[in-house]
N, C-alpha and C. Protein backbone atom coordinates (compact mmCIF):
# COMPACT_ATOMS: atom_id res chain seq x y z
N MET A 1 0.82 -1.19 0.00
CA MET A 1 0.00 0.00 0.00
C MET A 1 0.86 1.26 0.00
N ALA A 2 1.89 1.25 0.84
CA ALA A 2 2.75 2.42 0.90
C ALA A 2 3.37 2.69 -0.47
N ASP A 3 3.72 1.63 -1.21
CA ASP A 3 4.28 1.81 -2.55
C ASP A 3 3.26 2.45 -3.48
N ARG A 4 2.01 2.02 -3.38
CA ARG A 4 0.95 2.57 -4.23
C ARG A 4 0.74 4.06 -3.95
N LEU A 5 0.71 4.43 -2.68
CA LEU A 5 0.54 5.83 -2.33
C LEU A 5 1.77 6.66 -2.70
N GLU A 6 2.93 6.08 -2.53
CA GLU A 6 4.15 6.78 -2.91
C GLU A 6 4.17 7.00 -4.42
N GLU A 7 3.77 6.00 -5.18
CA GLU A 7 3.69 6.14 -6.64
C GLU A 7 2.68 7.24 -7.02
N PHE A 8 1.55 7.26 -6.35
CA PHE A 8 0.53 8.29 -6.56
C PHE A 8 1.11 9.68 -6.29
N ARG A 9 1.80 9.82 -5.15
CA ARG A 9 2.39 11.10 -4.77
C ARG A 9 3.45 11.55 -5.78
N LEU A 10 4.33 10.64 -6.15
CA LEU A 10 5.40 10.98 -7.10
C LEU A 10 4.84 11.36 -8.47
N PHE A 11 3.83 10.63 -8.93
CA PHE A 11 3.20 10.96 -10.20
C PHE A 11 2.58 12.36 -10.15
N ARG A 12 1.85 12.66 -9.08
CA ARG A 12 1.25 13.99 -8.92
C ARG A 12 2.32 15.08 -8.96
N GLU A 13 3.38 14.88 -8.18
CA GLU A 13 4.45 15.87 -8.14
C GLU A 13 5.08 16.07 -9.51
N ARG A 14 5.39 14.96 -10.18
CA ARG A 14 6.04 15.03 -11.49
C ARG A 14 5.14 15.74 -12.50
N MET A 15 3.89 15.36 -12.55
CA MET A 15 2.98 15.94 -13.52
C MET A 15 2.63 17.39 -13.18
N ASN A 16 2.47 17.70 -11.89
CA ASN A 16 2.23 19.10 -11.51
C ASN A 16 3.41 19.98 -11.93
N THR A 17 4.62 19.48 -11.71
CA THR A 17 5.80 20.24 -12.13
C THR A 17 5.81 20.43 -13.64
N ARG A 18 5.55 19.35 -14.36
CA ARG A 18 5.52 19.43 -15.84
C ARG A 18 4.48 20.42 -16.33
N ILE A 19 3.29 20.36 -15.76
CA ILE A 19 2.19 21.24 -16.17
C ILE A 19 2.53 22.69 -15.86
N LEU A 20 3.03 22.95 -14.66
CA LEU A 20 3.35 24.33 -14.28
C LEU A 20 4.53 24.88 -15.07
N GLU A 21 5.50 24.03 -15.42
CA GLU A 21 6.64 24.48 -16.22
C GLU A 21 6.25 24.87 -17.63
N ALA A 22 5.09 24.44 -18.10
CA ALA A 22 4.63 24.81 -19.44
C ALA A 22 4.35 26.32 -19.52
N GLY A 23 4.15 26.94 -18.37
CA GLY A 23 4.04 28.39 -18.31
C GLY A 23 2.69 28.97 -18.67
N ASN A 24 1.65 28.16 -18.73
CA ASN A 24 0.32 28.69 -19.04
C ASN A 24 -0.21 29.44 -17.82
N LEU A 25 -0.43 30.74 -17.97
CA LEU A 25 -0.82 31.59 -16.85
C LEU A 25 -2.15 31.17 -16.24
N GLU A 26 -3.11 30.81 -17.06
CA GLU A 26 -4.42 30.44 -16.53
C GLU A 26 -4.34 29.15 -15.71
N ILE A 27 -3.55 28.19 -16.19
CA ILE A 27 -3.38 26.95 -15.41
C ILE A 27 -2.67 27.25 -14.10
N LYS A 28 -1.63 28.07 -14.13
CA LYS A 28 -0.93 28.44 -12.90
C LYS A 28 -1.88 29.11 -11.92
N ARG A 29 -2.72 29.99 -12.42
CA ARG A 29 -3.69 30.67 -11.56
C ARG A 29 -4.68 29.69 -10.95
N PHE A 30 -5.16 28.75 -11.76
CA PHE A 30 -6.10 27.75 -11.24
C PHE A 30 -5.45 26.91 -10.15
N PHE A 31 -4.23 26.43 -10.40
CA PHE A 31 -3.52 25.63 -9.40
C PHE A 31 -3.33 26.43 -8.11
N ALA A 32 -2.97 27.70 -8.24
CA ALA A 32 -2.78 28.55 -7.05
C ALA A 32 -4.10 28.74 -6.31
N LEU A 33 -5.17 28.96 -7.05
CA LEU A 33 -6.49 29.12 -6.44
C LEU A 33 -6.91 27.84 -5.72
N ASP A 34 -6.67 26.71 -6.35
CA ASP A 34 -6.99 25.42 -5.74
C ASP A 34 -6.23 25.23 -4.44
N THR A 35 -4.95 25.53 -4.44
CA THR A 35 -4.13 25.40 -3.24
C THR A 35 -4.63 26.32 -2.14
N ARG A 36 -4.90 27.55 -2.47
CA ARG A 36 -5.35 28.54 -1.47
C ARG A 36 -6.72 28.20 -0.91
N CYS A 37 -7.55 27.58 -1.71
CA CYS A 37 -8.90 27.23 -1.27
C CYS A 37 -8.88 26.37 -0.01
N TYR A 38 -7.89 25.52 0.13
CA TYR A 38 -7.84 24.58 1.24
C TYR A 38 -7.05 25.09 2.44
N GLU A 39 -6.64 26.35 2.40
CA GLU A 39 -5.96 26.96 3.55
C GLU A 39 -7.00 27.37 4.59
N ALA A 40 -6.56 27.47 5.83
CA ALA A 40 -7.47 27.87 6.91
C ALA A 40 -8.02 29.26 6.64
N GLY A 41 -9.26 29.43 6.94
CA GLY A 41 -9.95 30.71 6.83
C GLY A 41 -11.10 30.69 7.81
N ALA A 42 -12.29 31.08 7.38
CA ALA A 42 -13.47 30.97 8.24
C ALA A 42 -13.72 29.50 8.59
N LEU A 43 -13.37 28.61 7.65
CA LEU A 43 -13.41 27.16 7.91
C LEU A 43 -11.98 26.67 8.12
N ASP A 44 -11.83 25.72 9.03
CA ASP A 44 -10.49 25.17 9.24
C ASP A 44 -10.13 24.19 8.12
N VAL A 45 -8.86 23.84 8.05
CA VAL A 45 -8.35 22.97 6.99
C VAL A 45 -9.05 21.61 7.01
N LYS A 46 -9.25 21.06 8.18
CA LYS A 46 -9.90 19.76 8.30
C LYS A 46 -11.28 19.78 7.66
N THR A 47 -12.07 20.80 7.96
CA THR A 47 -13.42 20.92 7.39
C THR A 47 -13.35 21.06 5.88
N LYS A 48 -12.42 21.86 5.39
CA LYS A 48 -12.30 22.05 3.94
C LYS A 48 -11.90 20.75 3.25
N GLU A 49 -11.03 19.97 3.86
CA GLU A 49 -10.64 18.69 3.26
C GLU A 49 -11.83 17.72 3.24
N LEU A 50 -12.64 17.73 4.29
CA LEU A 50 -13.84 16.90 4.31
C LEU A 50 -14.82 17.33 3.22
N LEU A 51 -14.95 18.62 3.01
CA LEU A 51 -15.80 19.12 1.93
C LEU A 51 -15.25 18.68 0.57
N GLY A 52 -13.94 18.77 0.41
CA GLY A 52 -13.30 18.31 -0.82
C GLY A 52 -13.54 16.83 -1.05
N LEU A 53 -13.53 16.05 0.03
CA LEU A 53 -13.79 14.61 -0.08
C LEU A 53 -15.21 14.34 -0.55
N VAL A 54 -16.19 15.05 0.00
CA VAL A 54 -17.58 14.88 -0.43
C VAL A 54 -17.72 15.25 -1.90
N ALA A 55 -17.17 16.39 -2.29
CA ALA A 55 -17.27 16.81 -3.69
C ALA A 55 -16.62 15.80 -4.61
N SER A 56 -15.48 15.26 -4.20
CA SER A 56 -14.78 14.28 -5.03
C SER A 56 -15.57 12.99 -5.16
N MET A 57 -16.25 12.60 -4.10
CA MET A 57 -17.10 11.40 -4.17
C MET A 57 -18.26 11.63 -5.13
N VAL A 58 -18.90 12.78 -5.01
CA VAL A 58 -20.05 13.08 -5.86
C VAL A 58 -19.62 13.17 -7.33
N LEU A 59 -18.44 13.73 -7.57
CA LEU A 59 -17.93 13.84 -8.93
C LEU A 59 -17.27 12.55 -9.41
N ARG A 60 -17.12 11.59 -8.51
CA ARG A 60 -16.59 10.26 -8.81
C ARG A 60 -15.16 10.30 -9.35
N CYS A 61 -14.33 11.08 -8.67
CA CYS A 61 -12.92 11.18 -9.05
C CYS A 61 -12.07 10.41 -8.03
N ASP A 62 -11.66 9.20 -8.38
CA ASP A 62 -10.91 8.36 -7.44
C ASP A 62 -9.57 8.96 -7.04
N ASP A 63 -8.86 9.62 -7.97
CA ASP A 63 -7.61 10.28 -7.60
C ASP A 63 -7.86 11.37 -6.56
N CYS A 64 -8.91 12.14 -6.76
CA CYS A 64 -9.24 13.21 -5.81
C CYS A 64 -9.67 12.63 -4.46
N ILE A 65 -10.44 11.55 -4.50
CA ILE A 65 -10.86 10.89 -3.27
C ILE A 65 -9.63 10.43 -2.49
N THR A 66 -8.70 9.79 -3.18
CA THR A 66 -7.47 9.34 -2.53
C THR A 66 -6.73 10.51 -1.91
N TYR A 67 -6.56 11.58 -2.69
CA TYR A 67 -5.86 12.76 -2.19
C TYR A 67 -6.51 13.27 -0.90
N HIS A 68 -7.83 13.44 -0.94
CA HIS A 68 -8.52 14.03 0.22
C HIS A 68 -8.55 13.08 1.41
N ILE A 69 -8.61 11.77 1.18
CA ILE A 69 -8.53 10.83 2.31
C ILE A 69 -7.18 10.96 3.00
N VAL A 70 -6.11 10.99 2.22
CA VAL A 70 -4.77 11.16 2.81
C VAL A 70 -4.69 12.47 3.57
N ARG A 71 -5.16 13.55 2.95
CA ARG A 71 -5.10 14.86 3.63
C ARG A 71 -5.97 14.87 4.89
N CYS A 72 -7.14 14.26 4.81
CA CYS A 72 -8.01 14.20 5.99
C CYS A 72 -7.33 13.43 7.12
N LYS A 73 -6.67 12.32 6.78
CA LYS A 73 -5.93 11.57 7.81
C LYS A 73 -4.86 12.46 8.43
N GLU A 74 -4.15 13.23 7.60
CA GLU A 74 -3.12 14.14 8.10
C GLU A 74 -3.73 15.20 9.02
N GLU A 75 -4.97 15.56 8.77
CA GLU A 75 -5.65 16.57 9.59
C GLU A 75 -6.35 15.97 10.80
N GLY A 76 -6.20 14.66 11.01
CA GLY A 76 -6.73 14.03 12.22
C GLY A 76 -8.18 13.58 12.14
N VAL A 77 -8.70 13.41 10.94
CA VAL A 77 -10.08 12.94 10.80
C VAL A 77 -10.18 11.51 11.33
N THR A 78 -11.19 11.25 12.14
CA THR A 78 -11.41 9.93 12.72
C THR A 78 -12.22 9.07 11.75
N ASP A 79 -12.21 7.77 11.98
CA ASP A 79 -13.01 6.87 11.15
C ASP A 79 -14.49 7.24 11.22
N ALA A 80 -14.98 7.58 12.40
CA ALA A 80 -16.39 7.98 12.53
C ALA A 80 -16.69 9.21 11.68
N GLU A 81 -15.77 10.18 11.68
CA GLU A 81 -15.96 11.38 10.85
C GLU A 81 -15.90 11.03 9.37
N PHE A 82 -15.01 10.12 9.00
CA PHE A 82 -14.95 9.67 7.60
C PHE A 82 -16.28 9.07 7.17
N PHE A 83 -16.83 8.18 7.99
CA PHE A 83 -18.05 7.50 7.58
C PHE A 83 -19.25 8.45 7.52
N GLU A 84 -19.30 9.45 8.38
CA GLU A 84 -20.35 10.47 8.24
C GLU A 84 -20.16 11.26 6.95
N THR A 85 -18.92 11.55 6.61
CA THR A 85 -18.62 12.26 5.37
C THR A 85 -18.95 11.39 4.17
N PHE A 86 -18.57 10.12 4.21
CA PHE A 86 -18.94 9.20 3.13
C PHE A 86 -20.45 9.16 2.95
N ASN A 87 -21.18 9.17 4.05
CA ASN A 87 -22.64 9.14 3.97
C ASN A 87 -23.18 10.37 3.26
N VAL A 88 -22.63 11.54 3.56
CA VAL A 88 -23.07 12.76 2.87
C VAL A 88 -22.82 12.63 1.38
N GLY A 89 -21.62 12.17 1.01
CA GLY A 89 -21.31 11.98 -0.40
C GLY A 89 -22.25 11.00 -1.07
N LEU A 90 -22.60 9.93 -0.38
CA LEU A 90 -23.50 8.92 -0.92
C LEU A 90 -24.91 9.49 -1.07
N ILE A 91 -25.39 10.21 -0.09
CA ILE A 91 -26.72 10.79 -0.17
C ILE A 91 -26.81 11.81 -1.29
N VAL A 92 -25.81 12.67 -1.40
CA VAL A 92 -25.82 13.70 -2.45
C VAL A 92 -25.63 13.08 -3.82
N GLY A 93 -24.73 12.12 -3.94
CA GLY A 93 -24.38 11.55 -5.24
C GLY A 93 -25.24 10.39 -5.68
N GLY A 94 -25.88 9.71 -4.75
CA GLY A 94 -26.72 8.59 -5.09
C GLY A 94 -25.95 7.29 -5.23
N SER A 95 -26.64 6.26 -5.68
CA SER A 95 -26.07 4.92 -5.70
C SER A 95 -24.88 4.79 -6.64
N ILE A 96 -24.75 5.69 -7.62
CA ILE A 96 -23.60 5.61 -8.53
C ILE A 96 -22.28 5.86 -7.80
N VAL A 97 -22.36 6.41 -6.58
CA VAL A 97 -21.16 6.67 -5.77
C VAL A 97 -20.67 5.40 -5.06
N ILE A 98 -21.51 4.37 -4.98
CA ILE A 98 -21.16 3.18 -4.21
C ILE A 98 -19.81 2.57 -4.61
N PRO A 99 -19.48 2.39 -5.90
CA PRO A 99 -18.15 1.84 -6.21
C PRO A 99 -17.01 2.71 -5.69
N HIS A 100 -17.20 4.03 -5.70
CA HIS A 100 -16.17 4.94 -5.21
C HIS A 100 -16.11 4.90 -3.69
N LEU A 101 -17.26 4.69 -3.05
CA LEU A 101 -17.30 4.50 -1.60
C LEU A 101 -16.51 3.25 -1.22
N ARG A 102 -16.68 2.19 -1.97
CA ARG A 102 -15.92 0.96 -1.70
C ARG A 102 -14.42 1.21 -1.77
N ARG A 103 -13.98 1.90 -2.83
CA ARG A 103 -12.55 2.19 -2.97
C ARG A 103 -12.07 3.16 -1.88
N ALA A 104 -12.93 4.09 -1.49
CA ALA A 104 -12.56 5.03 -0.43
C ALA A 104 -12.36 4.30 0.90
N VAL A 105 -13.27 3.40 1.22
CA VAL A 105 -13.14 2.64 2.47
C VAL A 105 -11.93 1.73 2.41
N ASP A 106 -11.66 1.13 1.27
CA ASP A 106 -10.45 0.32 1.11
C ASP A 106 -9.21 1.16 1.35
N MET A 107 -9.18 2.37 0.78
CA MET A 107 -8.03 3.26 0.97
C MET A 107 -7.88 3.62 2.45
N LEU A 108 -8.98 3.94 3.10
CA LEU A 108 -8.93 4.27 4.53
C LEU A 108 -8.41 3.08 5.33
N ASP A 109 -8.91 1.89 5.05
CA ASP A 109 -8.43 0.70 5.76
C ASP A 109 -6.94 0.48 5.55
N ARG A 110 -6.48 0.68 4.34
CA ARG A 110 -5.05 0.50 4.05
C ARG A 110 -4.21 1.55 4.77
N LEU A 111 -4.69 2.80 4.79
CA LEU A 111 -3.97 3.84 5.52
C LEU A 111 -3.94 3.54 7.01
N ASN A 112 -5.04 3.08 7.54
CA ASN A 112 -5.09 2.73 8.96
C ASN A 112 -4.11 1.61 9.28
N ALA A 113 -3.94 0.68 8.35
CA ALA A 113 -3.03 -0.44 8.57
C ALA A 113 -1.56 -0.04 8.38
N ASP A 114 -1.31 0.84 7.40
CA ASP A 114 0.07 1.18 7.02
C ASP A 114 0.62 2.43 7.68
N GLY A 115 -0.22 3.30 8.19
CA GLY A 115 0.24 4.54 8.77
C GLY A 115 0.23 5.67 7.76
N PRO A 116 0.59 6.85 8.19
CA PRO A 116 0.45 8.05 7.36
C PRO A 116 1.46 8.13 6.23
N LEU A 117 1.06 8.84 5.18
CA LEU A 117 1.96 9.19 4.09
C LEU A 117 1.73 10.65 3.78
N ASP A 118 2.74 11.46 3.94
CA ASP A 118 2.63 12.87 3.63
C ASP A 118 2.45 13.04 2.13
N ILE A 119 1.49 13.85 1.75
CA ILE A 119 1.21 14.06 0.33
C ILE A 119 1.51 15.52 -0.02
N ASP A 120 1.99 15.75 -1.18
CA ASP A 120 2.30 17.10 -1.66
C ASP A 120 1.03 17.94 -1.65
N ARG A 121 1.05 19.06 -0.96
CA ARG A 121 -0.14 19.91 -0.86
C ARG A 121 -0.27 20.87 -2.04
N GLU A 122 0.67 20.85 -2.95
CA GLU A 122 0.62 21.73 -4.13
C GLU A 122 -0.46 21.23 -5.07
N THR A 123 -1.53 21.93 -5.16
CA THR A 123 -2.75 21.61 -5.91
C THR A 123 -3.42 20.37 -5.37
N ALA A 124 -4.61 20.55 -4.94
CA ALA A 124 -5.34 19.50 -4.24
C ALA A 124 -5.69 18.33 -5.13
N GLU A 125 -5.90 18.51 -6.37
CA GLU A 125 -6.36 17.39 -7.19
C GLU A 125 -5.25 16.76 -7.92
């Protein structure tokens, strides 16, 4: 599992670097906006990551779900909080979210078994 998450992290870092080095101003602005969105403000980082997790589940983006699960773990989200969050995503997204819920719970179980992995916070997705 640690290898899979490390591969995920390295791919994200490599591709983010490649994309940003292309010099497209609009893409750079979007990445910066995405990063800033998850900084503490009126809502704390933990809450924002949980919101990102719900949105990712509803949009059915497994890479985004993985990212937000890792970040949520880093922010101290408990299993009970995860399952309440998963429930919100399921209610909002409907039954089509179930396969992504399965993968999300599998990822959570693997993280719980393997321990934390720091993920690059440069662009959330």
